[in-house]
Amino acid sequence: MPETPLPFDPDSYASVAAGLLGLALDPAWIVPITANLRVLAAAAELVSAFALPDEAEAAPRFEA
């Protein structure tokens, strides 16, 4: 039976990641940082939910 991952907690993630990276987060920036993490998590969920066939190949390069 596959394990269900815990829901993403941006507050905990910001705190733990900052500690691992040796960063001191100004308390005034915690709310904007976690807001951005929530937006990124939502975007990541959209990408991971998009099913690709096994035959799909990555583009060799992208040019804008």
C-alpha atoms as a PDB file:
ATOM      1  CA  MET A   1       0.000   0.000   0.000  1.00  0.00           C
ATOM      2  CA  PRO A   2       1.607   3.339  -1.070  1.00  0.00           C
ATOM      3  CA  GLU A   3       2.139   5.948   1.588  1.00  0.00           C
ATOM      4  CA  THR A   4       0.214   9.181   1.271  1.00  0.00           C
ATOM      5  CA  PRO A   5       2.565  12.157   1.546  1.00  0.00           C
ATOM      6  CA  LEU A   6       1.821  14.721   4.203  1.00  0.00           C
ATOM      7  CA  PRO A   7       0.324  17.975   2.949  1.00  0.00           C
ATOM      8  CA  PHE A   8       2.879  20.684   2.184  1.00  0.00           C
ATOM      9  CA  ASP A   9       3.418  23.031   5.120  1.00  0.00           C
ATOM     10  CA  PRO A  10       5.147  26.197   3.843  1.00  0.00           C
ATOM     11  CA  ASP A  11       5.683  27.591   7.343  1.00  0.00           C
ATOM     12  CA  SER A  12       7.575  24.518   8.502  1.00  0.00           C
ATOM     13  CA  TYR A  13       9.404  24.237   5.193  1.00  0.00           C
ATOM     14  CA  ALA A  14      10.629  27.844   5.338  1.00  0.00           C
ATOM     15  CA  SER A  15      11.836  27.397   8.897  1.00  0.00           C
ATOM     16  CA  VAL A  16      13.603  24.085   8.282  1.00  0.00           C
ATOM     17  CA  ALA A  17      15.108  25.124   4.926  1.00  0.00           C
ATOM     18  CA  ALA A  18      16.414  28.388   6.377  1.00  0.00           C
ATOM     19  CA  GLY A  19      18.063  26.486   9.202  1.00  0.00           C
ATOM     20  CA  LEU A  20      19.654  23.967   6.847  1.00  0.00           C
ATOM     21  CA  LEU A  21      20.967  26.768   4.638  1.00  0.00           C
ATOM     22  CA  GLY A  22      22.197  28.817   7.579  1.00  0.00           C
ATOM     23  CA  LEU A  23      19.884  31.706   6.755  1.00  0.00           C
ATOM     24  CA  ALA A  24      18.435  34.049   9.329  1.00  0.00           C
ATOM     25  CA  LEU A  25      14.931  35.002   8.210  1.00  0.00           C
ATOM     26  CA  ASP A  26      13.670  38.416   9.211  1.00  0.00           C
ATOM     27  CA  PRO A  27      10.254  37.836  10.835  1.00  0.00           C
ATOM     28  CA  ALA A  28       8.806  40.574   8.613  1.00  0.00           C
ATOM     29  CA  TRP A  29       9.570  38.387   5.575  1.00  0.00           C
ATOM     30  CA  ILE A  30       8.026  35.140   6.826  1.00  0.00           C
ATOM     31  CA  VAL A  31       4.523  35.926   5.505  1.00  0.00           C
ATOM     32  CA  PRO A  32       5.691  36.878   1.962  1.00  0.00           C
ATOM     33  CA  ILE A  33       8.071  33.902   1.847  1.00  0.00           C
ATOM     34  CA  THR A  34       5.389  31.403   2.824  1.00  0.00           C
ATOM     35  CA  ALA A  35       2.902  33.048   0.427  1.00  0.00           C
ATOM     36  CA  ASN A  36       5.361  32.486  -2.422  1.00  0.00           C
ATOM     37  CA  LEU A  37       5.936  28.907  -1.313  1.00  0.00           C
ATOM     38  CA  ARG A  38       2.161  28.324  -1.439  1.00  0.00           C
ATOM     39  CA  VAL A  39       2.035  29.681  -5.018  1.00  0.00           C
ATOM     40  CA  LEU A  40       4.984  27.495  -6.039  1.00  0.00           C
ATOM     41  CA  ALA A  41       3.409  24.433  -4.429  1.00  0.00           C
ATOM     42  CA  ALA A  42       0.170  25.047  -6.341  1.00  0.00           C
ATOM     43  CA  ALA A  43       2.106  25.357  -9.614  1.00  0.00           C
ATOM     44  CA  ALA A  44       4.050  22.185  -8.842  1.00  0.00           C
ATOM     45  CA  GLU A  45       0.782  20.355  -8.175  1.00  0.00           C
ATOM     46  CA  LEU A  46      -0.537  21.378 -11.613  1.00  0.00           C
ATOM     47  CA  VAL A  47       2.621  20.160 -13.313  1.00  0.00           C
ATOM     48  CA  SER A  48       2.744  16.861 -11.455  1.00  0.00           C
ATOM     49  CA  ALA A  49      -0.953  16.216 -12.108  1.00  0.00           C
ATOM     50  CA  PHE A  50      -0.457  16.492 -15.893  1.00  0.00           C
ATOM     51  CA  ALA A  51      -0.182  12.977 -17.240  1.00  0.00           C
ATOM     52  CA  LEU A  52       2.346  12.311 -19.981  1.00  0.00           C
ATOM     53  CA  PRO A  53       2.462   9.142 -22.037  1.00  0.00           C
ATOM     54  CA  ASP A  54       5.515   6.933 -21.588  1.00  0.00           C
ATOM     55  CA  GLU A  55       6.424   7.604 -25.226  1.00  0.00           C
ATOM     56  CA  ALA A  56       6.782  11.370 -24.647  1.00  0.00           C
ATOM     57  CA  GLU A  57      10.287  12.674 -25.184  1.00  0.00           C
ATOM     58  CA  ALA A  58      11.803  15.774 -23.706  1.00  0.00           C
ATOM     59  CA  ALA A  59      12.521  18.605 -26.096  1.00  0.00           C
ATOM     60  CA  PRO A  60      16.244  18.784 -26.910  1.00  0.00           C
ATOM     61  CA  ARG A  61      16.293  22.513 -26.121  1.00  0.00           C
ATOM     62  CA  PHE A  62      13.970  25.437 -25.605  1.00  0.00           C
ATOM     63  CA  GLU A  63      14.326  28.842 -27.188  1.00  0.00           C
ATOM     64  CA  ALA A  64      12.122  31.802 -26.409  1.00  0.00           C
END
